[in-house]
Amino acid sequence: MGMAVYIVLFLAVVGIGLLVRNRDYVQFHIGKPGEKAGLQIPRDRQRACNISAAVAIFALLAAVSACRIAVGNDYWVYRFQFNLIMQNRHVSYEPGFNLVVWVIQSLFGYDNYLPVFGFFSVVTAIFFVKAMYDQGEWFAATVFLLMTGGYYYSSLNSVRYYFVLAIAMYAMKYVLRKQYGVFIAWIVFAALFHKSILVVIPIYLLAHYLAEHKIPKGLYVLGGAFLVSLVVFKEFYRRIIFFFYPFYEGSAFDKVDISFTNIAKCMGVLVLCMFFLKVALKDNVQTKFYFFLNLAGLAVYTFGSFIPEVSRIGYYMIVSQVFLVPSVLIRIENKGWKLFWTIGVAVAFLGYFGLFLHSAYNMDIRLLPYLNWIFN
């Protein structure tokens, strides 16, 4: 029954997403380099339809997440930590998260954990949907990739991390607008809930620089040297990581974890982009920005397997695939090739989705069975 909920939700939100025709509006949200965005957005029937569909998708995503109970391997761990926060005892969470928990439980009562999960479900869904609405040139495809890529479903677990991941997606538009101060402000705010997000400041800014400029040859040398250093000086980087996350050292997360699945996803997206290099990436800063983020993700997964919980770094980069892949597909001029690659991408991600749902029963994930406090 639990898997049926996830599948029906997936079909519903993608189906509603087909009503959105957002490509002509994205430029108003992103803006051209040097110009202010979000101004003079056409107010027409299609925009009204787009907004209504986006609100409906938000409502479905927020409802399924907010109504869950005992879903996720860390659900009861969070509940225990909520109580420690109310007892003014030490927890390893960031101060922003602790403050929100304290405020909500002060209002609703001690050990009243459902409103806390509900709050983060709603705000996470808001940032996911807003990011897709502002940046998704092919909105339905972006929703499809967010769902089949497992990002939404995983947000039912690891509450803090997926909240800030959604903010990272949302904040990408400020990099594209060149509103760097606003971008950094959002990231610093998100770091109050999970400080790992601070890594996106240099990475996103570098990706945008590379997207806008011809890459100097010396930068290739520096990039190669950095990748070699990840292999040669692993312990140096581990010391830096453990300075911020000392509790990871020697824990169950402190192990080499080569994610062949994510490497394959990054490689597949890279092949798609290179196959249509001139059409997809030429003079398109937005698409090139996502392209370099995917490339950075590939580097992290390939050379940074020694990083504890490496996907918590990699996801900040490869989540850009939900924007990159549709952006490339809609620019393929040959209808036959466009259909071929679209079907290929759909089959690949549906296959990944199937494997994801199958693994969701594992005790270290435990996103299935889906239970909710209304009926269970």
Protein backbone atom coordinates (compact mmCIF):
# COMPACT_ATOMS: atom_id res chain seq x y z
CA MET A 1 0.00 0.00 0.00
CA GLY A 2 2.84 2.38 0.85
CA MET A 3 4.50 2.04 -2.53
CA ALA A 4 1.15 2.70 -4.21
CA VAL A 5 0.99 6.08 -2.43
CA TYR A 6 4.38 7.07 -3.84
CA ILE A 7 3.55 5.86 -7.36
CA VAL A 8 0.15 7.61 -7.41
CA LEU A 9 1.77 10.79 -6.12
CA PHE A 10 4.41 10.58 -8.85
CA LEU A 11 1.80 10.12 -11.59
CA ALA A 12 -0.36 12.91 -10.19
CA VAL A 13 2.33 15.59 -9.92
CA VAL A 14 3.87 14.79 -13.30
CA GLY A 15 0.40 14.77 -14.86
CA ILE A 16 -0.40 18.16 -13.36
CA GLY A 17 3.02 19.38 -14.43
CA LEU A 18 2.06 18.77 -18.06
CA LEU A 19 -0.36 21.69 -17.75
CA VAL A 20 2.52 24.09 -17.16
CA ARG A 21 4.02 25.89 -20.15
CA ASN A 22 6.81 27.73 -18.41
CA ARG A 23 9.64 28.19 -20.92
CA ASP A 24 8.65 31.70 -21.96
CA TYR A 25 8.40 32.79 -18.34
CA VAL A 26 11.72 31.45 -17.05
CA GLN A 27 13.63 34.40 -18.51
CA PHE A 28 11.62 36.74 -16.26
CA HIS A 29 12.57 34.73 -13.18
CA ILE A 30 16.21 34.18 -14.11
CA GLY A 31 16.87 37.39 -16.02
CA LYS A 32 19.63 38.06 -18.48
CA PRO A 33 23.13 38.83 -17.21
CA GLY A 34 23.27 42.35 -15.84
CA GLU A 35 19.52 42.81 -15.86
CA LYS A 36 17.04 42.65 -13.02
CA ALA A 37 14.68 39.69 -13.19
CA GLY A 38 11.11 39.18 -12.09
CA LEU A 39 9.81 42.35 -13.75
CA GLN A 40 7.05 42.75 -16.32
CA ILE A 41 5.97 39.13 -16.21
CA PRO A 42 3.06 38.69 -18.63
CA ARG A 43 -0.26 38.31 -16.86
CA ASP A 44 -2.20 35.98 -19.11
CA ARG A 45 -4.29 32.79 -18.97
CA GLN A 46 -1.27 30.49 -19.34
CA ARG A 47 0.47 32.11 -16.38
CA ALA A 48 -2.67 31.64 -14.28
CA CYS A 49 -2.74 27.97 -15.32
CA ASN A 50 0.95 27.62 -14.49
CA ILE A 51 0.50 29.06 -11.00
CA SER A 52 -2.58 26.94 -10.29
CA ALA A 53 -0.78 23.76 -11.36
CA ALA A 54 2.30 24.63 -9.29
CA VAL A 55 0.15 25.27 -6.21
CA ALA A 56 -1.59 21.92 -6.71
CA ILE A 57 1.75 20.12 -6.97
CA PHE A 58 2.96 21.86 -3.82
CA ALA A 59 -0.19 20.83 -1.96
CA LEU A 60 0.25 17.16 -2.92
CA LEU A 61 3.96 17.04 -2.08
CA ALA A 62 3.50 18.86 1.23
CA ALA A 63 0.50 16.75 2.24
CA VAL A 64 2.13 13.35 1.68
CA SER A 65 5.25 14.47 3.54
CA ALA A 66 3.50 16.27 6.41
CA CYS A 67 1.08 13.41 7.10
CA ARG A 68 3.75 10.72 7.43
CA ILE A 69 4.57 9.02 10.71
CA ALA A 70 7.40 6.60 11.47
CA VAL A 71 8.69 7.00 7.90
CA GLY A 72 12.45 7.20 7.55
CA ASN A 73 15.23 5.47 9.45
CA ASP A 74 15.91 8.66 11.43
CA TYR A 75 12.29 9.56 12.23
CA TRP A 76 12.41 8.45 15.87
CA VAL A 77 15.98 9.69 16.20
CA TYR A 78 14.70 13.15 15.33
CA ARG A 79 11.88 12.81 17.83
CA PHE A 80 14.40 11.92 20.55
CA GLN A 81 16.58 14.88 19.58
CA PHE A 82 13.56 17.22 19.65
CA ASN A 83 13.06 16.27 23.29
CA LEU A 84 16.73 16.87 24.09
CA ILE A 85 16.45 20.33 22.56
CA MET A 86 13.48 21.13 24.80
CA GLN A 87 15.51 19.93 27.79
CA ASN A 88 18.30 22.37 26.85
CA ARG A 89 20.70 19.47 26.39
CA HIS A 90 23.45 19.33 23.79
CA VAL A 91 22.61 18.10 20.29
CA SER A 92 24.77 18.15 17.18
CA TYR A 93 22.22 20.06 15.12
CA GLU A 94 22.72 23.63 13.93
CA PRO A 95 21.22 26.54 15.93
CA GLY A 96 18.57 27.50 13.36
CA PHE A 97 17.06 24.04 13.43
CA ASN A 98 17.17 23.93 17.23
CA LEU A 99 15.42 27.30 17.45
CA VAL A 100 12.61 26.25 15.12
CA VAL A 101 12.09 23.01 17.07
CA TRP A 102 12.04 24.94 20.36
CA VAL A 103 9.50 27.49 19.08
CA ILE A 104 7.14 24.90 17.57
CA GLN A 105 7.20 22.61 20.60
CA SER A 106 6.79 25.59 22.92
CA LEU A 107 3.59 26.38 21.04
CA PHE A 108 2.25 22.84 20.64
CA GLY A 109 3.69 21.14 23.72
CA TYR A 110 6.59 18.96 24.75
CA ASP A 111 7.12 15.82 22.64
CA ASN A 112 4.59 17.06 20.10
CA TYR A 113 6.78 16.16 17.14
CA LEU A 114 4.18 16.02 14.34
CA PRO A 115 3.99 19.83 13.92
CA VAL A 116 7.78 19.96 13.60
CA PHE A 117 7.83 17.39 10.81
CA GLY A 118 4.82 19.12 9.26
CA PHE A 119 6.53 22.52 9.24
CA PHE A 120 9.66 21.25 7.51
CA SER A 121 7.54 19.25 5.05
CA VAL A 122 5.72 22.41 3.98
CA VAL A 123 8.75 24.70 3.69
CA THR A 124 10.81 22.05 1.87
CA ALA A 125 8.01 21.55 -0.66
CA ILE A 126 7.73 25.32 -1.12
CA PHE A 127 11.40 25.67 -2.06
CA PHE A 128 11.36 22.58 -4.31
CA VAL A 129 8.32 23.80 -6.26
CA LYS A 130 9.44 27.43 -6.40
CA ALA A 131 12.86 26.39 -7.72
CA MET A 132 11.28 24.22 -10.42
CA TYR A 133 8.77 26.90 -11.35
CA ASP A 134 11.39 29.64 -11.70
CA GLN A 135 14.09 27.63 -13.50
CA GLY A 136 12.38 24.66 -15.17
CA GLU A 137 12.12 25.46 -18.88
CA TRP A 138 10.29 22.15 -19.39
CA PHE A 139 8.43 22.04 -16.11
CA ALA A 140 6.87 18.57 -16.39
CA ALA A 141 10.25 17.03 -17.22
CA THR A 142 11.85 18.82 -14.26
CA VAL A 143 9.15 17.45 -11.92
CA PHE A 144 9.63 14.00 -13.46
CA LEU A 145 13.37 14.07 -12.75
CA LEU A 146 12.94 15.41 -9.21
CA MET A 147 10.58 12.54 -8.40
CA THR A 148 12.33 9.69 -10.23
CA GLY A 149 15.71 10.92 -8.99
CA GLY A 150 14.43 10.26 -5.47
CA TYR A 151 15.10 13.78 -4.17
CA TYR A 152 11.55 14.42 -2.99
CA TYR A 153 11.05 10.98 -1.45
CA SER A 154 14.38 11.16 0.34
CA SER A 155 13.24 14.44 1.91
CA LEU A 156 10.92 12.31 4.07
CA ASN A 157 14.21 11.24 5.62
CA SER A 158 17.16 13.49 6.58
CA VAL A 159 14.84 16.43 7.26
CA ARG A 160 17.49 19.10 7.75
CA TYR A 161 19.58 18.15 4.74
CA TYR A 162 16.79 18.08 2.17
CA PHE A 163 15.41 21.36 3.49
CA VAL A 164 18.72 23.06 2.71
CA LEU A 165 19.08 21.14 -0.58
CA ALA A 166 15.76 22.67 -1.65
CA ILE A 167 17.09 26.11 -0.68
CA ALA A 168 20.25 25.46 -2.71
CA MET A 169 18.09 24.70 -5.75
CA TYR A 170 16.08 27.86 -5.17
CA ALA A 171 19.19 30.01 -4.67
CA MET A 172 20.68 28.98 -8.03
CA LYS A 173 18.58 31.64 -9.74
CA TYR A 174 20.33 34.40 -7.79
CA VAL A 175 23.68 33.20 -9.13
CA LEU A 176 22.26 33.33 -12.65
CA ARG A 177 20.91 36.83 -11.96
CA LYS A 178 24.34 37.88 -10.67
CA GLN A 179 22.71 38.82 -7.39
CA TYR A 180 25.58 37.24 -5.51
CA GLY A 181 24.85 38.99 -2.22
CA VAL A 182 21.31 37.60 -2.14
CA PHE A 183 22.62 34.15 -3.07
CA ILE A 184 25.16 34.16 -0.26
CA ALA A 185 22.55 35.46 2.21
CA TRP A 186 20.26 32.51 1.39
CA ILE A 187 23.11 30.02 1.75
CA VAL A 188 24.24 31.48 5.07
CA PHE A 189 20.63 31.30 6.29
CA ALA A 190 20.41 27.66 5.19
CA ALA A 191 23.71 26.91 6.96
CA LEU A 192 21.90 27.62 10.23
CA PHE A 193 20.07 24.34 9.54
CA HIS A 194 22.84 22.27 7.89
CA LYS A 195 26.28 23.82 7.52
CA SER A 196 27.35 21.47 4.72
CA ILE A 197 25.56 23.81 2.30
CA LEU A 198 28.36 26.37 2.68
CA VAL A 199 30.32 24.31 0.14
CA VAL A 200 28.00 25.55 -2.64
CA ILE A 201 29.20 29.17 -2.36
CA PRO A 202 32.56 28.62 -4.09
CA ILE A 203 31.24 25.80 -6.30
CA TYR A 204 28.20 27.64 -7.67
CA LEU A 205 30.13 30.88 -8.17
CA LEU A 206 32.94 29.05 -10.01
CA ALA A 207 30.42 27.18 -12.18
CA HIS A 208 28.79 30.48 -13.13
CA TYR A 209 32.16 32.04 -13.92
CA LEU A 210 33.03 29.11 -16.19
CA ALA A 211 29.61 29.36 -17.86
CA GLU A 212 30.16 33.02 -18.72
CA HIS A 213 33.81 33.05 -19.74
CA LYS A 214 36.13 31.26 -22.08
CA ILE A 215 38.05 28.86 -19.87
CA PRO A 216 41.75 29.75 -19.67
CA LYS A 217 44.14 26.86 -20.25
CA GLY A 218 45.72 27.38 -16.85
CA LEU A 219 42.40 26.59 -15.18
CA TYR A 220 42.42 23.11 -16.73
CA VAL A 221 45.83 22.55 -15.12
CA LEU A 222 44.60 23.81 -11.74
CA GLY A 223 41.48 21.65 -11.99
CA GLY A 224 43.51 18.57 -12.81
CA ALA A 225 45.92 19.28 -9.96
CA PHE A 226 43.02 19.61 -7.54
CA LEU A 227 41.58 16.24 -8.60
CA VAL A 228 45.01 14.62 -8.19
CA SER A 229 45.28 16.18 -4.72
CA LEU A 230 42.01 14.51 -3.73
CA VAL A 231 43.66 11.18 -4.41
CA VAL A 232 47.11 11.96 -2.98
CA PHE A 233 46.15 14.09 0.04
CA LYS A 234 43.03 12.35 1.28
CA GLU A 235 43.99 12.70 4.93
CA PHE A 236 44.44 16.46 4.57
CA TYR A 237 40.89 16.85 3.29
CA ARG A 238 39.59 14.44 5.91
CA ARG A 239 41.09 16.64 8.64
CA ILE A 240 39.17 19.60 7.23
CA ILE A 241 35.94 17.61 7.13
CA PHE A 242 36.32 16.30 10.67
CA PHE A 243 37.01 19.81 11.94
CA PHE A 244 33.43 20.70 11.00
CA TYR A 245 31.95 17.24 11.62
CA PRO A 246 34.08 15.59 14.36
CA PHE A 247 31.38 13.03 15.14
CA TYR A 248 31.81 11.49 11.66
CA GLU A 249 35.37 10.35 12.40
CA GLY A 250 35.43 6.63 13.12
CA SER A 251 31.64 6.38 12.78
CA ALA A 252 29.67 4.08 10.49
CA PHE A 253 29.71 6.89 7.88
CA ASP A 254 33.53 7.09 7.88
CA LYS A 255 34.15 4.71 5.02
CA VAL A 256 34.97 4.71 1.32
CA ASP A 257 31.69 4.75 -0.57
CA ILE A 258 31.92 4.67 -4.36
CA SER A 259 28.47 5.55 -5.72
CA PHE A 260 28.53 3.86 -9.12
CA THR A 261 24.89 4.79 -9.66
CA ASN A 262 25.51 8.52 -9.29
CA ILE A 263 28.69 8.29 -11.37
CA ALA A 264 26.64 6.60 -14.11
CA LYS A 265 23.95 9.31 -13.90
CA CYS A 266 26.54 12.07 -14.22
CA MET A 267 28.26 10.29 -17.11
CA GLY A 268 24.97 9.74 -18.91
CA VAL A 269 24.04 13.41 -18.60
CA LEU A 270 27.55 14.38 -19.73
CA VAL A 271 27.21 12.21 -22.86
CA LEU A 272 23.84 13.81 -23.65
CA CYS A 273 25.31 17.31 -23.31
CA MET A 274 28.42 16.54 -25.39
CA PHE A 275 26.32 14.90 -28.11
CA PHE A 276 24.41 18.17 -28.55
CA LEU A 277 27.21 20.49 -27.47
CA LYS A 278 26.63 23.27 -30.01
CA VAL A 279 22.86 23.24 -29.78
CA ALA A 280 22.53 22.91 -26.02
CA LEU A 281 25.45 24.83 -24.57
CA LYS A 282 26.47 27.48 -27.09
CA ASP A 283 25.82 30.99 -25.72
CA ASN A 284 23.46 29.61 -23.07
CA VAL A 285 24.78 30.64 -19.67
CA GLN A 286 21.95 29.01 -17.73
CA THR A 287 22.43 25.57 -19.29
CA LYS A 288 26.22 25.82 -19.11
CA PHE A 289 25.97 26.67 -15.40
CA TYR A 290 24.05 23.45 -14.77
CA PHE A 291 26.49 21.57 -17.03
CA PHE A 292 29.50 22.58 -14.93
CA LEU A 293 27.65 21.66 -11.74
CA ASN A 294 27.03 18.18 -13.16
CA LEU A 295 30.72 17.98 -14.07
CA ALA A 296 31.66 18.99 -10.51
CA GLY A 297 29.32 16.31 -9.17
CA LEU A 298 31.01 13.70 -11.35
CA ALA A 299 34.40 14.78 -9.97
CA VAL A 300 33.16 14.55 -6.37
CA TYR A 301 31.73 11.06 -6.80
CA THR A 302 34.75 9.82 -8.75
CA PHE A 303 37.58 11.31 -6.67
CA GLY A 304 35.90 12.07 -3.34
CA SER A 305 34.62 8.66 -2.31
CA PHE A 306 36.59 9.02 0.95
CA ILE A 307 34.26 11.85 2.05
CA PRO A 308 31.82 10.62 4.74
CA GLU A 309 28.28 10.75 3.37
CA VAL A 310 29.68 11.90 0.02
CA SER A 311 26.20 12.27 -1.50
CA ARG A 312 25.48 15.10 0.93
CA ILE A 313 28.09 17.05 -1.03
CA GLY A 314 27.42 15.56 -4.45
CA TYR A 315 23.67 16.19 -4.39
CA TYR A 316 24.22 19.95 -4.15
CA MET A 317 25.73 19.69 -7.62
CA ILE A 318 23.90 16.89 -9.41
CA VAL A 319 20.44 18.09 -8.38
CA SER A 320 21.02 20.60 -11.20
CA GLN A 321 20.30 17.68 -13.56
CA VAL A 322 16.58 18.34 -13.08
CA PHE A 323 17.13 21.64 -14.91
CA LEU A 324 20.00 20.65 -17.20
CA VAL A 325 18.51 17.57 -18.89
CA PRO A 326 15.17 19.20 -19.90
CA SER A 327 17.07 22.30 -21.04
CA VAL A 328 19.16 20.19 -23.40
CA LEU A 329 16.26 18.05 -24.65
CA ILE A 330 14.05 20.99 -25.63
CA ARG A 331 16.89 22.46 -27.70
CA ILE A 332 17.40 19.37 -29.88
CA GLU A 333 16.18 20.48 -33.27
CA ASN A 334 15.88 17.08 -34.98
CA LYS A 335 12.52 15.62 -33.89
CA GLY A 336 13.70 12.04 -34.28
CA TRP A 337 16.75 12.56 -32.07
CA LYS A 338 14.69 14.54 -29.56
CA LEU A 339 12.20 11.67 -29.24
CA PHE A 340 14.98 9.10 -29.00
CA TRP A 341 16.86 10.90 -26.23
CA THR A 342 13.70 11.86 -24.36
CA ILE A 343 12.57 8.24 -24.26
CA GLY A 344 16.07 7.13 -23.30
CA VAL A 345 16.22 9.58 -20.39
CA ALA A 346 12.73 8.61 -19.25
CA VAL A 347 13.52 4.89 -19.30
CA ALA A 348 16.82 5.39 -17.47
CA PHE A 349 15.31 7.47 -14.68
CA LEU A 350 12.26 5.22 -14.37
CA GLY A 351 14.65 2.31 -13.95
CA TYR A 352 16.49 4.21 -11.24
CA PHE A 353 13.16 5.07 -9.61
CA GLY A 354 12.20 1.42 -9.54
CA LEU A 355 15.47 0.48 -7.85
CA PHE A 356 15.03 3.36 -5.42
CA LEU A 357 11.55 2.22 -4.40
CA HIS A 358 12.78 -1.35 -4.00
CA SER A 359 15.59 -0.20 -1.70
CA ALA A 360 13.20 2.02 0.29
CA TYR A 361 12.24 -1.03 2.39
CA ASN A 362 15.82 -1.40 3.66
CA MET A 363 16.23 -0.71 7.36
CA ASP A 364 18.93 1.91 6.73
CA ILE A 365 16.46 3.88 4.54
CA ARG A 366 12.99 2.77 5.67
CA LEU A 367 10.92 5.08 3.50
CA LEU A 368 8.56 2.16 3.01
CA PRO A 369 6.07 1.16 4.17
CA TYR A 370 4.48 4.59 4.07
CA LEU A 371 2.40 5.29 7.19
CA ASN A 372 0.43 8.40 8.07
CA TRP A 373 -1.07 9.70 11.29
CA ILE A 374 -4.55 10.00 9.75
CA PHE A 375 -5.13 6.30 9.13
CA ASN A 376 -2.31 4.63 11.05
